[in-house]
């Protein structure tokens, strides 16, 4: 993916074909040293000027992810901001992962625009934090969810099991299954050194229950350290699934000369997954390390 710098805060990458939808990815960074309020203003200006200059708006936004430097002290100000109001028309995720440039917040945006493409906010939980949206095209629909956490307190295994049960029900409610339609997860784990194993065990058991094994397939995934909405939350889940996809369009990516299958060290995700469409291919690459 080639990124183009649009202004001092915003980089973008675009993909399109004559036959299909336009996809835009944006990374919008705040200035190092700016206060959180100043940073929100910087990001808002980019979403209101730079992004619309490409013919995009809140109606084309599919997903937004906020990376905060201090979620406990910044969350409420973010939720009350006009920037969040603009971004929450789509699916969104909010995590504490201090931006690499030392700013207080970085925003990732994914826009989809095309003839006949529509977006719909969906119900996923009733706590105002967990959320979902669908981007519907002529042949496929992309379902994105964010901020899926559990009310179970301080047990990464039980939280993960609860979250995946709810997500599987969400898929069924929307005419899909975990096995056939889910493609990518982002799993955030607080104090990952101590709580990763519980998440891994619960995910493995849930996948096996749904027929996902080393001889079938898993999902591309990232499992990474983050602080979440509440101090008691150990696990949070963001996801992507596609409705209308057929099994032959999903290809497991492997590089066995360099990376062993993850199941060999007890975890259940793909190194990467490719989805082949009529006019393009999507590659979902896991956040992963090579372990001998």
Protein backbone atom coordinates (compact mmCIF):
# COMPACT_ATOMS: atom_id res chain seq x y z
CA UNK A 1 0.00 0.00 0.00
CA UNK A 2 1.47 3.35 -1.06
CA UNK A 3 0.73 6.26 1.23
CA UNK A 4 0.50 9.87 0.02
CA UNK A 5 0.89 12.77 2.43
CA UNK A 6 -2.08 15.10 1.93
CA UNK A 7 -1.20 17.67 4.60
CA UNK A 8 0.92 17.91 7.75
CA UNK A 9 -1.41 15.59 9.68
CA UNK A 10 -2.97 13.29 7.08
CA UNK A 11 -1.70 10.44 4.87
CA UNK A 12 -3.91 8.48 2.50
CA UNK A 13 -3.91 5.44 0.26
CA UNK A 14 -6.50 4.78 -2.43
CA UNK A 15 -7.53 1.77 -4.50
CA UNK A 16 -10.08 1.68 -7.31
CA UNK A 17 -10.96 -0.12 -10.52
CA UNK A 18 -13.28 0.96 -13.34
CA UNK A 19 -15.67 -1.85 -12.43
CA UNK A 20 -15.86 -1.45 -8.67
CA UNK A 21 -15.91 0.69 -5.57
CA UNK A 22 -13.29 3.20 -4.47
CA UNK A 23 -11.50 2.40 -1.20
CA UNK A 24 -9.63 5.06 0.79
CA UNK A 25 -7.47 4.52 3.87
CA UNK A 26 -6.39 7.47 6.03
CA UNK A 27 -3.93 7.82 8.90
CA UNK A 28 -4.37 11.17 10.65
CA UNK A 29 -1.85 12.09 13.34
CA UNK A 30 -1.81 14.86 15.91
CA UNK A 31 1.27 16.99 16.48
CA UNK A 32 3.72 15.96 19.21
CA UNK A 33 3.35 18.33 22.14
CA UNK A 34 -0.22 19.34 21.32
CA UNK A 35 -2.76 19.08 24.13
CA UNK A 36 -5.54 16.55 23.68
CA UNK A 37 -8.02 19.31 22.88
CA UNK A 38 -5.65 20.75 20.29
CA UNK A 39 -5.08 17.28 18.87
CA UNK A 40 -8.81 16.67 18.46
CA UNK A 41 -9.10 20.00 16.62
CA UNK A 42 -6.26 19.02 14.29
CA UNK A 43 -7.89 15.71 13.45
CA UNK A 44 -11.29 17.31 13.02
CA UNK A 45 -9.93 19.82 10.51
CA UNK A 46 -8.47 16.97 8.50
CA UNK A 47 -11.76 15.03 8.50
CA UNK A 48 -13.72 18.15 7.53
CA UNK A 49 -11.37 19.52 4.84
CA UNK A 50 -8.76 17.05 3.57
CA UNK A 51 -11.01 13.98 3.46
CA UNK A 52 -13.96 15.76 1.75
CA UNK A 53 -11.55 17.17 -0.86
CA UNK A 54 -11.41 13.61 -2.23
CA UNK A 55 -15.19 13.44 -2.58
CA UNK A 56 -15.71 11.53 0.67
CA UNK A 57 -17.93 12.23 3.66
CA UNK A 58 -19.60 10.70 6.67
CA UNK A 59 -21.85 8.69 4.33
CA UNK A 60 -18.81 6.86 2.83
CA UNK A 61 -17.05 6.17 6.14
CA UNK A 62 -16.99 2.46 6.98
CA UNK A 63 -14.69 2.27 10.00
CA UNK A 64 -12.74 4.53 12.37
CA UNK A 65 -10.18 3.59 15.01
CA UNK A 66 -8.87 6.02 17.63
CA UNK A 67 -5.46 5.30 19.20
CA UNK A 68 -5.28 7.31 22.44
CA UNK A 69 -2.33 7.95 24.71
CA UNK A 70 -4.39 7.93 27.96
CA UNK A 71 -7.85 6.43 27.55
CA UNK A 72 -8.91 6.87 31.18
CA UNK A 73 -8.44 10.65 31.04
CA UNK A 74 -9.24 11.24 27.36
CA UNK A 75 -12.25 9.01 26.76
CA UNK A 76 -15.03 11.31 27.91
CA UNK A 77 -13.60 14.34 26.10
CA UNK A 78 -13.33 12.28 22.92
CA UNK A 79 -16.89 10.99 23.21
CA UNK A 80 -18.19 14.56 23.66
CA UNK A 81 -16.23 15.90 20.69
CA UNK A 82 -17.55 16.84 17.27
CA UNK A 83 -14.81 14.65 15.78
CA UNK A 84 -16.29 11.56 17.45
CA UNK A 85 -19.77 12.60 16.32
CA UNK A 86 -18.51 12.58 12.73
CA UNK A 87 -16.76 9.22 13.06
CA UNK A 88 -19.43 7.38 15.04
CA UNK A 89 -21.73 7.35 12.01
CA UNK A 90 -19.66 4.27 11.05
CA UNK A 91 -18.26 1.37 13.05
CA UNK A 92 -15.55 2.56 15.43
CA UNK A 93 -12.94 1.36 17.89
CA UNK A 94 -11.21 3.21 20.74
CA UNK A 95 -8.10 1.84 22.42
CA UNK A 96 -5.16 3.15 24.39
CA UNK A 97 -2.07 2.57 22.28
CA UNK A 98 0.16 5.66 22.51
CA UNK A 99 0.85 6.94 18.96
CA UNK A 100 4.39 6.35 17.70
CA UNK A 101 4.88 10.03 16.85
CA UNK A 102 4.26 10.92 20.54
CA UNK A 103 1.06 12.79 19.77
CA UNK A 104 -1.93 12.23 22.04
CA UNK A 105 -4.20 10.65 19.41
CA UNK A 106 -4.02 9.06 15.98
CA UNK A 107 -7.06 8.26 13.85
CA UNK A 108 -7.38 5.56 11.19
CA UNK A 109 -10.26 5.85 8.70
CA UNK A 110 -11.56 3.48 6.03
CA UNK A 111 -13.93 4.88 3.39
CA UNK A 112 -15.78 3.00 0.65
CA UNK A 113 -17.50 4.82 -2.22
CA UNK A 114 -19.16 3.46 -5.32
CA UNK A 115 -22.33 3.19 -7.33
CA UNK A 116 -24.95 1.39 -5.29
CA UNK A 117 -22.76 1.26 -2.16
CA UNK A 118 -24.65 2.07 1.05
CA UNK A 119 -23.78 2.02 4.74
CA UNK A 120 -25.98 1.05 7.66
CA UNK A 121 -25.37 1.28 11.39
CA UNK A 122 -26.27 -1.95 13.15
CA UNK A 123 -27.20 -2.95 16.67
CA UNK A 124 -24.48 -4.90 18.46
CA UNK A 125 -24.99 -4.74 22.20
CA UNK A 126 -26.90 -2.04 24.03
CA UNK A 127 -24.21 -0.35 26.12
CA UNK A 128 -23.36 2.44 23.66
CA UNK A 129 -19.76 1.22 23.39
CA UNK A 130 -19.91 -2.00 21.39
CA UNK A 131 -21.01 -1.09 17.86
CA UNK A 132 -21.24 -2.28 14.26
CA UNK A 133 -21.92 -1.16 10.71
CA UNK A 134 -22.45 -2.79 7.32
CA UNK A 135 -21.23 -1.48 3.96
CA UNK A 136 -23.44 -3.02 1.30
CA UNK A 137 -22.50 -3.30 -2.36
CA UNK A 138 -24.04 -4.99 -5.38
CA UNK A 139 -22.45 -8.39 -4.66
CA UNK A 140 -20.96 -8.26 -1.16
CA UNK A 141 -21.51 -6.63 2.20
CA UNK A 142 -18.70 -5.86 4.66
CA UNK A 143 -19.66 -6.11 8.34
CA UNK A 144 -17.38 -4.29 10.79
CA UNK A 145 -17.64 -4.30 14.58
CA UNK A 146 -15.73 -2.46 17.28
CA UNK A 147 -15.21 -2.29 21.03
CA UNK A 148 -16.70 -5.69 21.88
CA UNK A 149 -15.98 -6.23 25.58
CA UNK A 150 -17.52 -8.41 28.26
CA UNK A 151 -19.20 -7.65 31.58
CA UNK A 152 -17.31 -10.57 33.09
CA UNK A 153 -14.64 -9.05 35.30
CA UNK A 154 -10.90 -9.65 35.18
CA UNK A 155 -10.66 -13.09 33.62
CA UNK A 156 -9.26 -13.07 30.10
CA UNK A 157 -10.43 -16.61 29.30
CA UNK A 158 -14.03 -16.03 30.34
CA UNK A 159 -14.15 -12.55 28.80
CA UNK A 160 -12.90 -13.90 25.47
CA UNK A 161 -15.38 -16.78 25.48
CA UNK A 162 -18.23 -14.36 26.23
CA UNK A 163 -17.15 -11.91 23.52
CA UNK A 164 -16.85 -14.58 20.82
CA UNK A 165 -20.22 -16.09 21.77
CA UNK A 166 -21.83 -12.68 21.29
CA UNK A 167 -20.01 -12.12 18.01
CA UNK A 168 -21.10 -15.51 16.65
CA UNK A 169 -24.70 -14.64 17.54
CA UNK A 170 -24.31 -11.28 15.80
CA UNK A 171 -23.16 -13.04 12.64
CA UNK A 172 -26.09 -15.48 12.71
CA UNK A 173 -28.53 -12.62 13.29
CA UNK A 174 -27.19 -11.05 10.08
CA UNK A 175 -27.32 -14.21 7.97
CA UNK A 176 -23.69 -15.30 8.38
CA UNK A 177 -21.55 -17.71 10.38
CA UNK A 178 -18.16 -17.49 12.02
CA UNK A 179 -16.88 -20.34 9.82
CA UNK A 180 -18.06 -19.03 6.46
CA UNK A 181 -17.91 -15.24 6.74
CA UNK A 182 -15.56 -13.97 9.45
CA UNK A 183 -12.15 -13.02 8.05
CA UNK A 184 -10.23 -10.73 10.39
CA UNK A 185 -10.09 -9.96 14.11
CA UNK A 186 -8.19 -7.41 16.15
CA UNK A 187 -7.93 -8.60 19.76
CA UNK A 188 -6.72 -6.13 22.38
CA UNK A 189 -5.43 -7.56 25.65
CA UNK A 190 -4.57 -5.55 28.74
CA UNK A 191 -1.32 -6.66 30.44
CA UNK A 192 -0.79 -9.13 27.61
CA UNK A 193 2.15 -10.91 29.27
CA UNK A 194 -0.19 -12.22 31.96
CA UNK A 195 -3.52 -12.45 30.12
CA UNK A 196 -2.69 -13.60 26.59
CA UNK A 197 -2.83 -17.31 27.43
CA UNK A 198 -6.40 -17.13 28.72
CA UNK A 199 -7.52 -15.38 25.55
CA UNK A 200 -5.72 -17.94 23.36
CA UNK A 201 -7.31 -20.93 25.13
CA UNK A 202 -10.83 -19.50 24.95
CA UNK A 203 -10.48 -18.55 21.27
CA UNK A 204 -9.17 -22.02 20.39
CA UNK A 205 -12.11 -23.71 22.14
CA UNK A 206 -14.65 -21.43 20.46
CA UNK A 207 -13.14 -21.96 17.02
CA UNK A 208 -13.15 -25.74 17.48
CA UNK A 209 -16.82 -25.62 18.46
CA UNK A 210 -17.52 -23.90 15.14
CA UNK A 211 -15.51 -26.38 13.05
CA UNK A 212 -12.39 -24.24 12.71
CA UNK A 213 -9.30 -26.41 13.10
CA UNK A 214 -5.79 -26.75 11.67
CA UNK A 215 -7.21 -28.82 8.80
CA UNK A 216 -9.91 -26.27 7.91
CA UNK A 217 -9.04 -22.62 8.51
CA UNK A 218 -8.74 -19.90 11.12
CA UNK A 219 -8.97 -16.10 10.82
CA UNK A 220 -6.30 -13.53 10.17
CA UNK A 221 -5.79 -11.74 13.47
CA UNK A 222 -3.84 -9.33 15.61
CA UNK A 223 -3.46 -9.95 19.34
CA UNK A 224 -1.83 -6.93 20.91
CA UNK A 225 -1.38 -4.98 24.15
CA UNK A 226 -3.81 -2.14 24.83
CA UNK A 227 -5.64 -0.44 27.66
CA UNK A 228 -9.39 -0.45 27.24
CA UNK A 229 -12.51 1.44 28.30
CA UNK A 230 -12.55 0.18 31.90
CA UNK A 231 -9.60 -0.86 34.06
CA UNK A 232 -11.37 -4.18 34.68
CA UNK A 233 -11.58 -4.94 30.94
CA UNK A 234 -8.87 -7.36 29.86
CA UNK A 235 -10.04 -8.14 26.31
CA UNK A 236 -11.68 -6.19 23.51
CA UNK A 237 -12.52 -7.34 19.98
CA UNK A 238 -12.85 -5.63 16.58
CA UNK A 239 -13.87 -7.72 13.58
CA UNK A 240 -14.46 -7.83 9.84
CA UNK A 241 -16.75 -10.28 8.03
CA UNK A 242 -18.04 -10.42 4.47
CA UNK A 243 -21.48 -11.57 3.38
CA UNK A 244 -21.83 -13.03 -0.11
CA UNK A 245 -18.38 -14.55 -0.13
CA UNK A 246 -17.85 -18.18 -1.22
CA UNK A 247 -15.31 -20.60 0.19
CA UNK A 248 -13.27 -20.72 -3.02
CA UNK A 249 -12.65 -16.99 -2.84
CA UNK A 250 -10.85 -17.27 0.52
CA UNK A 251 -7.21 -18.36 0.28
CA UNK A 252 -5.00 -19.16 3.28
CA UNK A 253 -1.62 -17.42 2.99
CA UNK A 254 1.41 -19.39 4.13
CA UNK A 255 5.19 -18.92 3.95
CA UNK A 256 6.37 -22.21 5.41
CA UNK A 257 10.04 -21.60 4.57
CA UNK A 258 9.94 -18.63 6.95
CA UNK A 259 6.90 -18.95 9.26
CA UNK A 260 5.61 -22.11 10.84
CA UNK A 261 1.85 -22.70 11.26
CA UNK A 262 0.69 -20.97 14.43
CA UNK A 263 -1.00 -24.10 15.75
CA UNK A 264 2.49 -25.56 16.29
CA UNK A 265 2.91 -23.22 19.23
CA UNK A 266 -0.68 -23.48 20.39
CA UNK A 267 -2.47 -20.48 18.86
CA UNK A 268 -5.22 -20.38 16.26
CA UNK A 269 -4.94 -17.71 13.61
CA UNK A 270 -3.78 -17.52 10.01
CA UNK A 271 -0.58 -15.71 9.06
CA UNK A 272 -2.72 -14.05 6.42
CA UNK A 273 -5.83 -14.49 4.30
CA UNK A 274 -6.50 -13.42 0.71
CA UNK A 275 -9.98 -12.76 -0.62
CA UNK A 276 -10.32 -12.78 -4.42
CA UNK A 277 -13.05 -10.67 -6.03
CA UNK A 278 -13.86 -10.09 -9.67
CA UNK A 279 -11.92 -6.82 -9.89
CA UNK A 280 -9.51 -6.87 -6.91
CA UNK A 281 -7.98 -8.87 -4.10
CA UNK A 282 -7.92 -8.03 -0.41
CA UNK A 283 -5.05 -9.26 1.75
CA UNK A 284 -5.62 -9.50 5.50
CA UNK A 285 -2.19 -9.82 7.12
CA UNK A 286 -1.96 -10.84 10.75
CA UNK A 287 0.04 -8.98 13.34
CA UNK A 288 2.44 -11.82 14.10
CA UNK A 289 5.93 -12.78 15.15
CA UNK A 290 7.95 -15.76 13.97
CA UNK A 291 8.38 -18.29 16.77
CA UNK A 292 10.65 -21.31 16.39
